[in-house]
Protein backbone atom coordinates (compact mmCIF):
# COMPACT_ATOMS: atom_id res chain seq x y z
CA MET A 1 81.83 -28.75 41.20
CA ALA A 2 78.45 -27.34 42.19
CA LYS A 3 75.21 -28.56 40.66
CA LEU A 4 74.60 -26.95 37.32
CA SER A 5 71.02 -26.15 38.30
CA SER A 6 72.25 -24.09 41.28
CA ILE A 7 74.69 -22.17 39.11
CA ASN A 8 72.00 -21.49 36.48
CA LYS A 9 69.51 -20.41 39.15
CA ASN A 10 72.02 -17.91 40.49
CA GLU A 11 72.66 -16.58 36.98
CA ARG A 12 68.92 -16.04 36.48
CA ARG A 13 68.83 -14.14 39.77
CA LYS A 14 71.73 -11.91 38.64
CA LYS A 15 69.85 -11.17 35.42
CA LEU A 16 66.65 -10.23 37.31
CA VAL A 17 68.56 -8.04 39.76
CA LYS A 18 70.16 -6.17 36.86
CA GLN A 19 66.80 -5.79 35.13
CA TYR A 20 65.02 -4.31 38.16
CA ALA A 21 68.00 -2.46 39.73
CA ALA A 22 66.89 1.09 38.88
CA LYS A 23 63.30 0.56 39.96
CA TYR A 24 64.37 -1.22 43.15
CA GLU A 25 66.81 1.55 44.15
CA LYS A 26 64.24 4.28 43.48
CA LEU A 27 61.58 2.57 45.59
CA LYS A 28 64.07 1.79 48.35
CA ALA A 29 65.17 5.44 48.50
CA ILE A 30 61.54 6.55 48.85
CA ALA A 31 60.80 3.90 51.49
CA ASN A 32 63.82 4.93 53.60
CA ASP A 33 63.31 8.71 53.27
CA THR A 34 62.10 9.87 56.69
CA SER A 35 61.18 13.34 55.42
CA LEU A 36 58.31 11.91 53.34
CA ASP A 37 54.81 11.16 54.54
CA GLU A 38 54.25 7.73 56.08
CA THR A 39 51.64 6.77 53.46
CA GLU A 40 54.05 7.49 50.58
CA ARG A 41 56.68 5.33 52.23
CA LEU A 42 54.15 2.54 52.76
CA VAL A 43 53.08 2.68 49.11
CA ALA A 44 56.74 2.41 48.05
CA ARG A 45 57.20 -0.64 50.29
CA LEU A 46 54.10 -2.27 48.82
CA LYS A 47 55.39 -1.65 45.30
CA MET A 48 58.71 -3.19 46.32
CA ALA A 49 56.81 -6.24 47.53
CA GLU A 50 55.19 -6.57 44.10
CA LEU A 51 58.57 -6.92 42.39
CA PRO A 52 59.79 -10.48 41.79
CA ARG A 53 61.39 -12.01 44.87
CA ASN A 54 64.60 -12.80 42.98
CA ALA A 55 64.97 -9.14 41.97
CA ASN A 56 66.31 -8.45 45.47
CA PRO A 57 70.14 -8.15 45.35
CA THR A 58 70.56 -10.04 48.62
CA ARG A 59 69.32 -13.25 46.99
CA VAL A 60 72.34 -13.43 44.68
CA ARG A 61 75.01 -15.78 45.99
CA ASN A 62 78.73 -15.25 45.40
CA ARG A 63 80.04 -18.30 43.58
CA CYS A 64 83.45 -19.39 42.31
CA ALA A 65 83.95 -18.49 38.65
CA THR A 66 85.57 -21.83 37.80
CA THR A 67 83.71 -24.41 39.90
CA GLY A 68 80.55 -22.63 41.10
CA ARG A 69 81.33 -23.46 44.74
CA PRO A 70 79.45 -21.06 47.05
CA ARG A 71 81.59 -21.43 50.15
CA GLY A 72 85.05 -20.03 50.81
CA TYR A 73 84.65 -17.33 48.15
CA TYR A 74 87.32 -14.61 47.85
CA ARG A 75 85.83 -11.41 46.41
CA LYS A 76 89.19 -10.04 45.34
CA PHE A 77 89.83 -12.98 43.02
CA GLY A 78 86.29 -14.20 42.30
CA ILE A 79 87.21 -17.80 43.11
CA ASN A 80 87.01 -20.09 46.13
CA ARG A 81 89.81 -20.96 48.53
CA ILE A 82 90.58 -24.32 46.95
CA GLU A 83 90.94 -22.90 43.44
CA LEU A 84 92.95 -20.00 44.85
CA ARG A 85 95.42 -22.42 46.38
CA ASP A 86 95.68 -24.55 43.24
CA LEU A 87 96.14 -21.62 40.87
CA GLY A 88 98.51 -19.90 43.31
CA ASN A 89 100.73 -22.97 43.58
CA LYS A 90 100.87 -23.19 39.79
CA GLY A 91 101.85 -19.51 39.62
CA LEU A 92 98.82 -18.48 37.60
CA ILE A 93 97.79 -15.61 39.90
CA PRO A 94 100.15 -12.63 39.54
CA GLY A 95 101.57 -11.31 42.79
CA LEU A 96 100.41 -14.26 44.89
CA THR A 97 103.11 -16.22 46.67
CA LYS A 98 102.86 -19.04 49.16
CA SER A 99 103.64 -17.79 52.62
CA SER A 100 106.20 -19.49 54.85
CA TRP A 101 107.76 -18.39 58.12
């Protein structure tokens, strides 16, 4: 199991990203719009820099829902590879069967 502080830190980041999502997307669209004047784009980038660092969506880490493990994460299931194997062997994931050939 991952450290509780790491899991909580990631949850705080998710909360900040959700809080600033609309503002961040608006500023990003302005900054990437090539039809606008260069000064307007620069101002938008500076305003983006003033937002909290953890408001950037790329700082959120995908973590296992059960253990909080950051590595080996499967997006489709929301869990890591170890939990996927355990739950799959117990038959708790519908449609998942152990492969053999």
